[in-house]
């Protein structure tokens, strides 16, 4: 009888330890799940913050229609098309120089990109983008709507090619040269067919100063 009582007590202690271990394990597992969920939530919040568009944002895409068809070199980037964002009635709208200068919502703009890949670069000194400056930039963009594409590839006329539009907006409205114009011959090692350009425009085109997307992308004024 005494032996049986001891066995029962020992079994009870074992069951108690097992129950305690299960409780501790459940608490530990709950804490782990909570921490994982918290980290996921933080990551998602950061992602949303990173993809929140602001007035003046410069958005780069790889336009499917321009692959192998662009006259202007890309510079040191895989992106071949660029636009500037303005928030209108709560909707990010992108102004961009195609034929002619146009605007569309951000989803439509990103939809033109291979795999819908895009990159946002914005002015490092955001405090410069005051309400008045943004209004001036928006007015500049709207005034250029329907402007024809600059097939002459010159900075000295009223027509605009893609990178030129963004460059001139920041230069005219903020006095900020996102990059410096370079002669076309500086990009002779790129895949763009310079022979075609020389045939179409003559040898003089090689000394024409251009603005290319890659130089804007790597601008010291953007982050």
C-alpha atoms as a PDB file:
ATOM      1  CA  UNK A   1       0.000   0.000   0.000  1.00  0.00           C
ATOM      2  CA  UNK A   2       2.819   2.350   0.945  1.00  0.00           C
ATOM      3  CA  UNK A   3       4.673   1.474  -2.275  1.00  0.00           C
ATOM      4  CA  UNK A   4       1.565   2.191  -4.307  1.00  0.00           C
ATOM      5  CA  UNK A   5       1.171   5.574  -2.610  1.00  0.00           C
ATOM      6  CA  UNK A   6       4.790   6.447  -3.389  1.00  0.00           C
ATOM      7  CA  UNK A   7       4.334   5.475  -7.000  1.00  0.00           C
ATOM      8  CA  UNK A   8       1.199   7.599  -7.266  1.00  0.00           C
ATOM      9  CA  UNK A   9       2.986  10.584  -5.731  1.00  0.00           C
ATOM     10  CA  UNK A  10       5.941  10.126  -8.050  1.00  0.00           C
ATOM     11  CA  UNK A  11       3.623   9.914 -11.073  1.00  0.00           C
ATOM     12  CA  UNK A  12       1.869  13.072  -9.878  1.00  0.00           C
ATOM     13  CA  UNK A  13       5.193  14.928  -9.638  1.00  0.00           C
ATOM     14  CA  UNK A  14       6.160  13.748 -13.125  1.00  0.00           C
ATOM     15  CA  UNK A  15       2.807  14.888 -14.528  1.00  0.00           C
ATOM     16  CA  UNK A  16       3.213  18.230 -12.759  1.00  0.00           C
ATOM     17  CA  UNK A  17       6.684  18.734 -14.257  1.00  0.00           C
ATOM     18  CA  UNK A  18       5.402  17.769 -17.690  1.00  0.00           C
ATOM     19  CA  UNK A  19       2.460  20.128 -17.327  1.00  0.00           C
ATOM     20  CA  UNK A  20       4.782  22.921 -16.203  1.00  0.00           C
ATOM     21  CA  UNK A  21       7.135  22.287 -19.122  1.00  0.00           C
ATOM     22  CA  UNK A  22       4.202  22.378 -21.550  1.00  0.00           C
ATOM     23  CA  UNK A  23       3.042  25.671 -20.053  1.00  0.00           C
ATOM     24  CA  UNK A  24       6.525  27.176 -20.292  1.00  0.00           C
ATOM     25  CA  UNK A  25       6.863  25.928 -23.865  1.00  0.00           C
ATOM     26  CA  UNK A  26       3.522  27.476 -24.817  1.00  0.00           C
ATOM     27  CA  UNK A  27       4.549  30.781 -23.257  1.00  0.00           C
ATOM     28  CA  UNK A  28       7.921  30.670 -25.045  1.00  0.00           C
ATOM     29  CA  UNK A  29       6.261  29.803 -28.353  1.00  0.00           C
ATOM     30  CA  UNK A  30       3.734  32.616 -27.932  1.00  0.00           C
ATOM     31  CA  UNK A  31       6.553  35.098 -27.239  1.00  0.00           C
ATOM     32  CA  UNK A  32       8.466  33.887 -30.293  1.00  0.00           C
ATOM     33  CA  UNK A  33       5.417  34.227 -32.537  1.00  0.00           C
ATOM     34  CA  UNK A  34       4.796  37.706 -31.134  1.00  0.00           C
ATOM     35  CA  UNK A  35       8.379  38.809 -31.818  1.00  0.00           C
ATOM     36  CA  UNK A  36       8.288  37.406 -35.353  1.00  0.00           C
ATOM     37  CA  UNK A  37       4.968  39.145 -36.005  1.00  0.00           C
ATOM     38  CA  UNK A  38       6.376  42.384 -34.601  1.00  0.00           C
ATOM     39  CA  UNK A  39       9.411  42.217 -36.900  1.00  0.00           C
ATOM     40  CA  UNK A  40       7.212  41.438 -39.900  1.00  0.00           C
ATOM     41  CA  UNK A  41       4.986  44.378 -39.007  1.00  0.00           C
ATOM     42  CA  UNK A  42       8.006  46.684 -38.739  1.00  0.00           C
ATOM     43  CA  UNK A  43       9.323  45.464 -42.086  1.00  0.00           C
ATOM     44  CA  UNK A  44       5.950  46.020 -43.724  1.00  0.00           C
ATOM     45  CA  UNK A  45       5.700  49.487 -42.205  1.00  0.00           C
ATOM     46  CA  UNK A  46       9.181  50.343 -43.473  1.00  0.00           C
ATOM     47  CA  UNK A  47       8.244  49.050 -46.920  1.00  0.00           C
ATOM     48  CA  UNK A  48       5.115  51.218 -46.953  1.00  0.00           C
ATOM     49  CA  UNK A  49       7.148  54.236 -45.869  1.00  0.00           C
ATOM     50  CA  UNK A  50       9.753  53.535 -48.528  1.00  0.00           C
ATOM     51  CA  UNK A  51       7.085  53.355 -51.226  1.00  0.00           C
ATOM     52  CA  UNK A  52       5.120  56.414 -50.102  1.00  0.00           C
ATOM     53  CA  UNK A  53       5.357  58.891 -52.939  1.00  0.00           C
ATOM     54  CA  UNK A  54       6.041  62.580 -52.368  1.00  0.00           C
ATOM     55  CA  UNK A  55       5.866  65.718 -54.464  1.00  0.00           C
ATOM     56  CA  UNK A  56       9.010  66.040 -56.535  1.00  0.00           C
ATOM     57  CA  UNK A  57       9.986  62.381 -56.382  1.00  0.00           C
ATOM     58  CA  UNK A  58      11.960  61.215 -59.403  1.00  0.00           C
ATOM     59  CA  UNK A  59      10.752  57.773 -60.487  1.00  0.00           C
ATOM     60  CA  UNK A  60      12.799  55.517 -62.751  1.00  0.00           C
ATOM     61  CA  UNK A  61      11.469  52.554 -64.724  1.00  0.00           C
ATOM     62  CA  UNK A  62      12.614  50.221 -67.484  1.00  0.00           C
ATOM     63  CA  UNK A  63      10.133  51.092 -70.201  1.00  0.00           C
ATOM     64  CA  UNK A  64       9.342  47.965 -72.211  1.00  0.00           C
ATOM     65  CA  UNK A  65       8.735  49.953 -75.396  1.00  0.00           C
ATOM     66  CA  UNK A  66      12.131  51.645 -75.299  1.00  0.00           C
ATOM     67  CA  UNK A  67      14.348  48.594 -74.903  1.00  0.00           C
ATOM     68  CA  UNK A  68      16.653  48.686 -77.887  1.00  0.00           C
ATOM     69  CA  UNK A  69      14.794  51.677 -79.344  1.00  0.00           C
ATOM     70  CA  UNK A  70      16.087  54.667 -77.365  1.00  0.00           C
ATOM     71  CA  UNK A  71      18.184  57.253 -79.184  1.00  0.00           C
ATOM     72  CA  UNK A  72      19.739  58.576 -75.979  1.00  0.00           C
ATOM     73  CA  UNK A  73      22.183  56.453 -73.950  1.00  0.00           C
ATOM     74  CA  UNK A  74      20.981  55.364 -70.511  1.00  0.00           C
ATOM     75  CA  UNK A  75      24.212  56.042 -68.665  1.00  0.00           C
ATOM     76  CA  UNK A  76      25.209  53.758 -65.809  1.00  0.00           C
ATOM     77  CA  UNK A  77      21.775  52.336 -64.996  1.00  0.00           C
ATOM     78  CA  UNK A  78      19.410  49.667 -66.263  1.00  0.00           C
ATOM     79  CA  UNK A  79      16.533  52.134 -66.149  1.00  0.00           C
ATOM     80  CA  UNK A  80      15.654  53.859 -69.401  1.00  0.00           C
ATOM     81  CA  UNK A  81      12.737  56.133 -68.524  1.00  0.00           C
ATOM     82  CA  UNK A  82      12.025  58.711 -65.839  1.00  0.00           C
ATOM     83  CA  UNK A  83       9.243  60.954 -64.563  1.00  0.00           C
ATOM     84  CA  UNK A  84       8.441  63.319 -61.693  1.00  0.00           C
ATOM     85  CA  UNK A  85       5.676  62.749 -59.141  1.00  0.00           C
ATOM     86  CA  UNK A  86       3.123  65.271 -57.921  1.00  0.00           C
ATOM     87  CA  UNK A  87       0.292  64.400 -55.547  1.00  0.00           C
ATOM     88  CA  UNK A  88      -3.013  65.556 -57.021  1.00  0.00           C
ATOM     89  CA  UNK A  89      -6.240  64.980 -55.088  1.00  0.00           C
ATOM     90  CA  UNK A  90      -4.438  62.345 -53.041  1.00  0.00           C
ATOM     91  CA  UNK A  91      -3.250  60.450 -56.139  1.00  0.00           C
ATOM     92  CA  UNK A  92       0.448  60.294 -57.162  1.00  0.00           C
ATOM     93  CA  UNK A  93       0.607  61.533 -60.754  1.00  0.00           C
ATOM     94  CA  UNK A  94       3.726  61.192 -62.890  1.00  0.00           C
ATOM     95  CA  UNK A  95       4.693  63.770 -65.512  1.00  0.00           C
ATOM     96  CA  UNK A  96       7.042  62.429 -68.157  1.00  0.00           C
ATOM     97  CA  UNK A  97       8.366  63.373 -71.582  1.00  0.00           C
ATOM     98  CA  UNK A  98       7.223  60.943 -74.211  1.00  0.00           C
ATOM     99  CA  UNK A  99       5.513  61.986 -77.452  1.00  0.00           C
ATOM    100  CA  UNK A 100       4.157  64.367 -76.321  1.00  0.00           C
ATOM    101  CA  UNK A 101       4.857  65.272 -72.650  1.00  0.00           C
ATOM    102  CA  UNK A 102       2.107  63.513 -70.703  1.00  0.00           C
ATOM    103  CA  UNK A 103       0.921  62.587 -67.222  1.00  0.00           C
ATOM    104  CA  UNK A 104      -0.553  59.422 -65.764  1.00  0.00           C
ATOM    105  CA  UNK A 105      -1.130  57.933 -62.329  1.00  0.00           C
ATOM    106  CA  UNK A 106       1.706  56.089 -60.643  1.00  0.00           C
ATOM    107  CA  UNK A 107       0.210  52.636 -61.247  1.00  0.00           C
ATOM    108  CA  UNK A 108       0.005  53.279 -64.987  1.00  0.00           C
ATOM    109  CA  UNK A 109       3.548  54.588 -65.027  1.00  0.00           C
ATOM    110  CA  UNK A 110       4.959  51.600 -63.145  1.00  0.00           C
ATOM    111  CA  UNK A 111       2.875  49.327 -65.373  1.00  0.00           C
ATOM    112  CA  UNK A 112       5.039  50.411 -68.322  1.00  0.00           C
ATOM    113  CA  UNK A 113       8.115  48.916 -66.652  1.00  0.00           C
ATOM    114  CA  UNK A 114       9.520  45.432 -67.161  1.00  0.00           C
ATOM    115  CA  UNK A 115       8.281  43.372 -64.225  1.00  0.00           C
ATOM    116  CA  UNK A 116       6.772  46.581 -62.823  1.00  0.00           C
ATOM    117  CA  UNK A 117      10.159  47.359 -61.346  1.00  0.00           C
ATOM    118  CA  UNK A 118      10.867  50.941 -60.383  1.00  0.00           C
ATOM    119  CA  UNK A 119      13.096  53.068 -58.190  1.00  0.00           C
ATOM    120  CA  UNK A 120      12.318  56.250 -56.307  1.00  0.00           C
ATOM    121  CA  UNK A 121      15.001  58.887 -55.866  1.00  0.00           C
ATOM    122  CA  UNK A 122      14.187  62.108 -54.064  1.00  0.00           C
ATOM    123  CA  UNK A 123      15.867  65.387 -53.294  1.00  0.00           C
ATOM    124  CA  UNK A 124      18.331  64.980 -50.429  1.00  0.00           C
ATOM    125  CA  UNK A 125      17.395  68.398 -49.036  1.00  0.00           C
ATOM    126  CA  UNK A 126      13.647  67.862 -48.779  1.00  0.00           C
ATOM    127  CA  UNK A 127      13.227  71.159 -46.947  1.00  0.00           C
ATOM    128  CA  UNK A 128      13.829  72.926 -50.266  1.00  0.00           C
ATOM    129  CA  UNK A 129      10.572  71.509 -51.601  1.00  0.00           C
ATOM    130  CA  UNK A 130       8.354  74.081 -49.948  1.00  0.00           C
ATOM    131  CA  UNK A 131       4.701  74.437 -50.862  1.00  0.00           C
ATOM    132  CA  UNK A 132       5.511  77.333 -53.184  1.00  0.00           C
ATOM    133  CA  UNK A 133       8.376  75.488 -54.876  1.00  0.00           C
ATOM    134  CA  UNK A 134       6.230  72.398 -55.438  1.00  0.00           C
ATOM    135  CA  UNK A 135       3.519  74.611 -56.935  1.00  0.00           C
ATOM    136  CA  UNK A 136       6.105  76.140 -59.268  1.00  0.00           C
ATOM    137  CA  UNK A 137       7.339  72.695 -60.319  1.00  0.00           C
ATOM    138  CA  UNK A 138       3.805  71.478 -60.911  1.00  0.00           C
ATOM    139  CA  UNK A 139       3.047  74.568 -63.009  1.00  0.00           C
ATOM    140  CA  UNK A 140       6.219  73.916 -65.020  1.00  0.00           C
ATOM    141  CA  UNK A 141       5.138  70.318 -65.657  1.00  0.00           C
ATOM    142  CA  UNK A 142       1.584  71.259 -66.628  1.00  0.00           C
ATOM    143  CA  UNK A 143       2.830  74.008 -68.938  1.00  0.00           C
ATOM    144  CA  UNK A 144       4.939  71.432 -70.797  1.00  0.00           C
ATOM    145  CA  UNK A 145       2.062  69.007 -71.408  1.00  0.00           C
ATOM    146  CA  UNK A 146       1.675  68.238 -75.117  1.00  0.00           C
ATOM    147  CA  UNK A 147       5.204  69.505 -75.843  1.00  0.00           C
ATOM    148  CA  UNK A 148       6.666  67.372 -78.609  1.00  0.00           C
ATOM    149  CA  UNK A 149       9.532  64.953 -78.057  1.00  0.00           C
ATOM    150  CA  UNK A 150      12.903  66.471 -78.864  1.00  0.00           C
ATOM    151  CA  UNK A 151      14.117  64.318 -81.728  1.00  0.00           C
ATOM    152  CA  UNK A 152      16.927  66.791 -82.376  1.00  0.00           C
ATOM    153  CA  UNK A 153      18.463  65.858 -79.015  1.00  0.00           C
ATOM    154  CA  UNK A 154      19.465  69.401 -78.191  1.00  0.00           C
ATOM    155  CA  UNK A 155      19.095  71.373 -74.986  1.00  0.00           C
ATOM    156  CA  UNK A 156      18.647  74.618 -76.886  1.00  0.00           C
ATOM    157  CA  UNK A 157      15.060  74.348 -78.095  1.00  0.00           C
ATOM    158  CA  UNK A 158      11.552  74.148 -76.641  1.00  0.00           C
ATOM    159  CA  UNK A 159      11.050  70.458 -77.309  1.00  0.00           C
ATOM    160  CA  UNK A 160      11.982  67.911 -74.644  1.00  0.00           C
ATOM    161  CA  UNK A 161      13.324  64.395 -74.515  1.00  0.00           C
ATOM    162  CA  UNK A 162      12.740  62.257 -71.436  1.00  0.00           C
ATOM    163  CA  UNK A 163      15.729  63.029 -69.200  1.00  0.00           C
ATOM    164  CA  UNK A 164      15.872  66.616 -70.428  1.00  0.00           C
ATOM    165  CA  UNK A 165      12.365  67.272 -69.068  1.00  0.00           C
ATOM    166  CA  UNK A 166      13.326  66.241 -65.521  1.00  0.00           C
ATOM    167  CA  UNK A 167      16.654  68.063 -65.675  1.00  0.00           C
ATOM    168  CA  UNK A 168      15.097  71.335 -66.844  1.00  0.00           C
ATOM    169  CA  UNK A 169      12.315  71.157 -64.244  1.00  0.00           C
ATOM    170  CA  UNK A 170      14.763  70.994 -61.356  1.00  0.00           C
ATOM    171  CA  UNK A 171      17.125  73.498 -62.977  1.00  0.00           C
ATOM    172  CA  UNK A 172      14.388  76.036 -63.728  1.00  0.00           C
ATOM    173  CA  UNK A 173      12.336  75.708 -60.537  1.00  0.00           C
ATOM    174  CA  UNK A 174      15.004  75.116 -57.892  1.00  0.00           C
ATOM    175  CA  UNK A 175      18.224  76.163 -59.585  1.00  0.00           C
ATOM    176  CA  UNK A 176      19.538  72.647 -58.980  1.00  0.00           C
ATOM    177  CA  UNK A 177      21.474  70.965 -61.803  1.00  0.00           C
ATOM    178  CA  UNK A 178      20.786  67.295 -61.094  1.00  0.00           C
ATOM    179  CA  UNK A 179      23.706  66.514 -63.380  1.00  0.00           C
ATOM    180  CA  UNK A 180      25.988  68.162 -65.915  1.00  0.00           C
ATOM    181  CA  UNK A 181      25.371  67.813 -69.641  1.00  0.00           C
ATOM    182  CA  UNK A 182      27.974  65.631 -71.348  1.00  0.00           C
ATOM    183  CA  UNK A 183      28.868  65.229 -74.984  1.00  0.00           C
ATOM    184  CA  UNK A 184      27.470  62.132 -76.644  1.00  0.00           C
ATOM    185  CA  UNK A 185      30.953  60.795 -77.329  1.00  0.00           C
ATOM    186  CA  UNK A 186      31.385  60.331 -73.560  1.00  0.00           C
ATOM    187  CA  UNK A 187      29.024  57.360 -73.831  1.00  0.00           C
ATOM    188  CA  UNK A 188      30.714  55.676 -76.789  1.00  0.00           C
ATOM    189  CA  UNK A 189      31.351  52.496 -74.800  1.00  0.00           C
ATOM    190  CA  UNK A 190      27.666  51.873 -74.210  1.00  0.00           C
ATOM    191  CA  UNK A 191      25.400  49.613 -76.237  1.00  0.00           C
ATOM    192  CA  UNK A 192      23.505  52.480 -77.843  1.00  0.00           C
ATOM    193  CA  UNK A 193      24.155  52.513 -81.581  1.00  0.00           C
ATOM    194  CA  UNK A 194      26.244  55.633 -82.019  1.00  0.00           C
ATOM    195  CA  UNK A 195      26.766  54.687 -85.658  1.00  0.00           C
ATOM    196  CA  UNK A 196      23.037  55.066 -86.208  1.00  0.00           C
ATOM    197  CA  UNK A 197      23.052  58.484 -84.533  1.00  0.00           C
ATOM    198  CA  UNK A 198      26.000  59.624 -86.652  1.00  0.00           C
ATOM    199  CA  UNK A 199      24.248  58.408 -89.771  1.00  0.00           C
ATOM    200  CA  UNK A 200      21.003  60.150 -88.798  1.00  0.00           C
ATOM    201  CA  UNK A 201      22.452  63.397 -87.450  1.00  0.00           C
ATOM    202  CA  UNK A 202      25.965  63.608 -88.837  1.00  0.00           C
ATOM    203  CA  UNK A 203      29.296  63.530 -87.021  1.00  0.00           C
ATOM    204  CA  UNK A 204      28.462  66.762 -85.216  1.00  0.00           C
ATOM    205  CA  UNK A 205      26.004  64.861 -82.993  1.00  0.00           C
ATOM    206  CA  UNK A 206      28.959  63.342 -81.153  1.00  0.00           C
ATOM    207  CA  UNK A 207      29.741  66.774 -79.707  1.00  0.00           C
ATOM    208  CA  UNK A 208      26.154  67.503 -78.732  1.00  0.00           C
ATOM    209  CA  UNK A 209      25.748  67.869 -74.966  1.00  0.00           C
ATOM    210  CA  UNK A 210      23.048  65.595 -73.547  1.00  0.00           C
ATOM    211  CA  UNK A 211      21.322  64.753 -70.293  1.00  0.00           C
ATOM    212  CA  UNK A 212      21.061  61.001 -69.730  1.00  0.00           C
ATOM    213  CA  UNK A 213      18.955  59.082 -67.239  1.00  0.00           C
ATOM    214  CA  UNK A 214      21.883  57.323 -65.584  1.00  0.00           C
ATOM    215  CA  UNK A 215      23.502  60.635 -64.656  1.00  0.00           C
ATOM    216  CA  UNK A 216      20.258  61.837 -63.048  1.00  0.00           C
ATOM    217  CA  UNK A 217      19.914  58.506 -61.245  1.00  0.00           C
ATOM    218  CA  UNK A 218      23.374  58.923 -59.713  1.00  0.00           C
ATOM    219  CA  UNK A 219      22.916  62.625 -58.982  1.00  0.00           C
ATOM    220  CA  UNK A 220      24.592  63.840 -55.806  1.00  0.00           C
ATOM    221  CA  UNK A 221      21.444  65.840 -55.075  1.00  0.00           C
ATOM    222  CA  UNK A 222      19.201  62.777 -54.903  1.00  0.00           C
ATOM    223  CA  UNK A 223      18.978  59.948 -52.394  1.00  0.00           C
END
